[in-house]
C-alpha atoms as a PDB file:
ATOM      1  CA  UNK A   1       2.075  -5.275   8.303  1.00  0.00           C
ATOM      2  CA  UNK A   2       4.345  -6.495   5.559  1.00  0.00           C
ATOM      3  CA  UNK A   3       7.810  -7.712   6.522  1.00  0.00           C
ATOM      4  CA  UNK A   4      10.540  -6.331   4.234  1.00  0.00           C
ATOM      5  CA  UNK A   5      12.061  -9.058   2.062  1.00  0.00           C
ATOM      6  CA  UNK A   6      15.494  -7.525   1.499  1.00  0.00           C
ATOM      7  CA  UNK A   7      17.901  -5.116   3.102  1.00  0.00           C
ATOM      8  CA  UNK A   8      16.956  -2.550   0.461  1.00  0.00           C
ATOM      9  CA  UNK A   9      13.283  -2.938   1.370  1.00  0.00           C
ATOM     10  CA  UNK A  10      14.119  -2.620   5.062  1.00  0.00           C
ATOM     11  CA  UNK A  11      16.139   0.557   4.452  1.00  0.00           C
ATOM     12  CA  UNK A  12      13.336   2.016   2.322  1.00  0.00           C
ATOM     13  CA  UNK A  13      10.826   1.188   5.046  1.00  0.00           C
ATOM     14  CA  UNK A  14      12.951   2.995   7.646  1.00  0.00           C
ATOM     15  CA  UNK A  15      13.359   6.050   5.409  1.00  0.00           C
ATOM     16  CA  UNK A  16       9.599   6.122   4.884  1.00  0.00           C
ATOM     17  CA  UNK A  17       8.981   5.918   8.653  1.00  0.00           C
ATOM     18  CA  UNK A  18      11.423   8.770   9.253  1.00  0.00           C
ATOM     19  CA  UNK A  19       9.729  10.978   6.635  1.00  0.00           C
ATOM     20  CA  UNK A  20       6.107  10.111   7.459  1.00  0.00           C
ATOM     21  CA  UNK A  21       6.228   9.658  11.242  1.00  0.00           C
ATOM     22  CA  UNK A  22       9.385  10.884  12.977  1.00  0.00           C
ATOM     23  CA  UNK A  23      10.040  14.125  11.076  1.00  0.00           C
ATOM     24  CA  UNK A  24       6.395  15.330  11.252  1.00  0.00           C
ATOM     25  CA  UNK A  25       6.328  14.483  14.963  1.00  0.00           C
ATOM     26  CA  UNK A  26       9.417  16.654  15.536  1.00  0.00           C
ATOM     27  CA  UNK A  27       7.702  19.557  13.733  1.00  0.00           C
ATOM     28  CA  UNK A  28       4.848  19.656  16.236  1.00  0.00           C
ATOM     29  CA  UNK A  29       6.256  18.285  19.510  1.00  0.00           C
ATOM     30  CA  UNK A  30       6.786  20.492  22.534  1.00  0.00           C
ATOM     31  CA  UNK A  31      10.228  21.321  23.883  1.00  0.00           C
ATOM     32  CA  UNK A  32       9.981  18.881  26.790  1.00  0.00           C
ATOM     33  CA  UNK A  33       9.107  15.994  24.448  1.00  0.00           C
ATOM     34  CA  UNK A  34      11.850  16.985  21.989  1.00  0.00           C
ATOM     35  CA  UNK A  35      14.447  17.022  24.755  1.00  0.00           C
ATOM     36  CA  UNK A  36      13.324  13.561  25.935  1.00  0.00           C
ATOM     37  CA  UNK A  37      13.667  12.277  22.380  1.00  0.00           C
ATOM     38  CA  UNK A  38      17.105  13.892  22.034  1.00  0.00           C
ATOM     39  CA  UNK A  39      18.341  11.776  24.953  1.00  0.00           C
ATOM     40  CA  UNK A  40      17.228   8.615  23.107  1.00  0.00           C
ATOM     41  CA  UNK A  41      18.021   9.843  19.594  1.00  0.00           C
ATOM     42  CA  UNK A  42      20.441   7.041  18.712  1.00  0.00           C
ATOM     43  CA  UNK A  43      17.733   4.474  19.461  1.00  0.00           C
ATOM     44  CA  UNK A  44      15.346   6.263  17.090  1.00  0.00           C
ATOM     45  CA  UNK A  45      17.595   7.640  14.371  1.00  0.00           C
ATOM     46  CA  UNK A  46      20.847   5.742  14.633  1.00  0.00           C
ATOM     47  CA  UNK A  47      24.047   7.745  14.444  1.00  0.00           C
ATOM     48  CA  UNK A  48      22.397  10.803  12.914  1.00  0.00           C
ATOM     49  CA  UNK A  49      23.407  14.077  14.547  1.00  0.00           C
ATOM     50  CA  UNK A  50      20.388  15.387  16.497  1.00  0.00           C
ATOM     51  CA  UNK A  51      21.357  18.992  15.669  1.00  0.00           C
ATOM     52  CA  UNK A  52      21.204  18.196  11.951  1.00  0.00           C
ATOM     53  CA  UNK A  53      18.032  16.134  12.188  1.00  0.00           C
ATOM     54  CA  UNK A  54      15.818  16.359  15.282  1.00  0.00           C
ATOM     55  CA  UNK A  55      16.372  20.049  16.030  1.00  0.00           C
ATOM     56  CA  UNK A  56      16.337  21.079  12.361  1.00  0.00           C
ATOM     57  CA  UNK A  57      13.078  19.180  11.892  1.00  0.00           C
ATOM     58  CA  UNK A  58      11.637  20.874  14.984  1.00  0.00           C
ATOM     59  CA  UNK A  59      12.483  24.311  13.535  1.00  0.00           C
ATOM     60  CA  UNK A  60      10.785  23.344  10.254  1.00  0.00           C
ATOM     61  CA  UNK A  61       7.489  24.296  11.902  1.00  0.00           C
ATOM     62  CA  UNK A  62       8.676  27.826  11.021  1.00  0.00           C
ATOM     63  CA  UNK A  63       9.719  27.533   7.343  1.00  0.00           C
ATOM     64  CA  UNK A  64      11.215  31.052   7.251  1.00  0.00           C
ATOM     65  CA  UNK A  65      13.944  30.055   9.704  1.00  0.00           C
ATOM     66  CA  UNK A  66      15.326  26.947   8.011  1.00  0.00           C
ATOM     67  CA  UNK A  67      17.105  26.260   4.758  1.00  0.00           C
ATOM     68  CA  UNK A  68      15.834  23.276   2.791  1.00  0.00           C
ATOM     69  CA  UNK A  69      19.257  21.676   2.347  1.00  0.00           C
ATOM     70  CA  UNK A  70      21.190  22.823   5.422  1.00  0.00           C
ATOM     71  CA  UNK A  71      20.907  21.782   9.073  1.00  0.00           C
ATOM     72  CA  UNK A  72      20.052  24.163  11.896  1.00  0.00           C
ATOM     73  CA  UNK A  73      18.562  27.615  11.699  1.00  0.00           C
ATOM     74  CA  UNK A  74      19.250  29.760   8.648  1.00  0.00           C
ATOM     75  CA  UNK A  75      21.456  32.696   9.648  1.00  0.00           C
ATOM     76  CA  UNK A  76      21.408  34.480   6.290  1.00  0.00           C
ATOM     77  CA  UNK A  77      18.084  36.296   6.570  1.00  0.00           C
ATOM     78  CA  UNK A  78      16.743  38.690   9.142  1.00  0.00           C
ATOM     79  CA  UNK A  79      13.524  37.439  10.736  1.00  0.00           C
ATOM     80  CA  UNK A  80      10.863  38.749  13.052  1.00  0.00           C
ATOM     81  CA  UNK A  81       9.962  36.319  15.804  1.00  0.00           C
ATOM     82  CA  UNK A  82       6.596  36.673  17.523  1.00  0.00           C
ATOM     83  CA  UNK A  83       6.275  35.190  21.003  1.00  0.00           C
ATOM     84  CA  UNK A  84       3.177  33.898  22.803  1.00  0.00           C
ATOM     85  CA  UNK A  85       2.883  37.142  24.791  1.00  0.00           C
ATOM     86  CA  UNK A  86       2.767  39.189  21.564  1.00  0.00           C
ATOM     87  CA  UNK A  87       6.337  40.464  21.780  1.00  0.00           C
ATOM     88  CA  UNK A  88       8.003  40.737  18.363  1.00  0.00           C
ATOM     89  CA  UNK A  89      11.782  40.709  18.045  1.00  0.00           C
ATOM     90  CA  UNK A  90      13.778  41.202  14.851  1.00  0.00           C
ATOM     91  CA  UNK A  91      17.288  39.946  14.169  1.00  0.00           C
ATOM     92  CA  UNK A  92      19.409  37.307  12.507  1.00  0.00           C
ATOM     93  CA  UNK A  93      19.249  33.779  13.938  1.00  0.00           C
ATOM     94  CA  UNK A  94      22.516  32.801  15.600  1.00  0.00           C
ATOM     95  CA  UNK A  95      23.033  29.175  14.629  1.00  0.00           C
ATOM     96  CA  UNK A  96      25.948  28.650  16.999  1.00  0.00           C
ATOM     97  CA  UNK A  97      24.024  29.828  20.068  1.00  0.00           C
ATOM     98  CA  UNK A  98      20.575  28.545  19.030  1.00  0.00           C
ATOM     99  CA  UNK A  99      20.734  25.080  20.524  1.00  0.00           C
ATOM    100  CA  UNK A 100      18.424  22.348  21.761  1.00  0.00           C
ATOM    101  CA  UNK A 101      15.169  24.138  20.921  1.00  0.00           C
ATOM    102  CA  UNK A 102      16.208  27.641  21.992  1.00  0.00           C
ATOM    103  CA  UNK A 103      16.575  30.497  19.508  1.00  0.00           C
ATOM    104  CA  UNK A 104      18.995  33.403  19.868  1.00  0.00           C
ATOM    105  CA  UNK A 105      18.776  36.418  17.556  1.00  0.00           C
ATOM    106  CA  UNK A 106      21.510  38.920  16.809  1.00  0.00           C
ATOM    107  CA  UNK A 107      19.966  42.349  16.406  1.00  0.00           C
ATOM    108  CA  UNK A 108      21.414  45.621  15.228  1.00  0.00           C
ATOM    109  CA  UNK A 109      22.079  46.856  18.762  1.00  0.00           C
ATOM    110  CA  UNK A 110      21.684  43.794  20.984  1.00  0.00           C
ATOM    111  CA  UNK A 111      21.224  40.058  21.100  1.00  0.00           C
ATOM    112  CA  UNK A 112      17.815  38.616  21.983  1.00  0.00           C
ATOM    113  CA  UNK A 113      16.826  35.362  23.592  1.00  0.00           C
ATOM    114  CA  UNK A 114      17.241  32.545  24.066  1.00  0.00           C
ATOM    115  CA  UNK A 115      13.584  31.897  23.277  1.00  0.00           C
ATOM    116  CA  UNK A 116      12.239  28.352  23.716  1.00  0.00           C
ATOM    117  CA  UNK A 117      10.554  26.925  20.635  1.00  0.00           C
ATOM    118  CA  UNK A 118       7.350  26.497  22.696  1.00  0.00           C
ATOM    119  CA  UNK A 119       7.029  30.260  23.227  1.00  0.00           C
ATOM    120  CA  UNK A 120       7.451  31.147  19.560  1.00  0.00           C
ATOM    121  CA  UNK A 121       4.210  31.423  17.608  1.00  0.00           C
ATOM    122  CA  UNK A 122       5.520  32.811  14.321  1.00  0.00           C
ATOM    123  CA  UNK A 123       8.723  33.520  12.434  1.00  0.00           C
ATOM    124  CA  UNK A 124       8.559  35.821   9.437  1.00  0.00           C
ATOM    125  CA  UNK A 125      11.473  36.468   7.111  1.00  0.00           C
ATOM    126  CA  UNK A 126      12.117  40.159   6.535  1.00  0.00           C
ATOM    127  CA  UNK A 127      12.228  41.407   2.991  1.00  0.00           C
ATOM    128  CA  UNK A 128      14.771  43.986   1.925  1.00  0.00           C
ATOM    129  CA  UNK A 129      13.304  47.364   1.048  1.00  0.00           C
END
């Protein structure tokens, strides 16, 4: 292991670790592990907001529910969420109520969820007809 020589090298090394280790881990970790990490987030990520980092990275496992440059779930597109038991629910993600690894959808006639990230197997963005 090479020891960084300067502050700039140290900062670059940390950014690389975040992008190559921490962020990919968040994309595949189970809800229980994510919640344990959230409690220790400042030790791992510094003062970064866990909603803008940890939980956004966790939702990145479903690309149709996140926006590349914005934190949290993307509320602007209707999605169909498929659960482990085969149930499919369609609605708009509610970013305010979708917290800590749980997703809430606002449908045309009702709200659905919260669904834990562990029970979601697919999220598909709906296309307009």
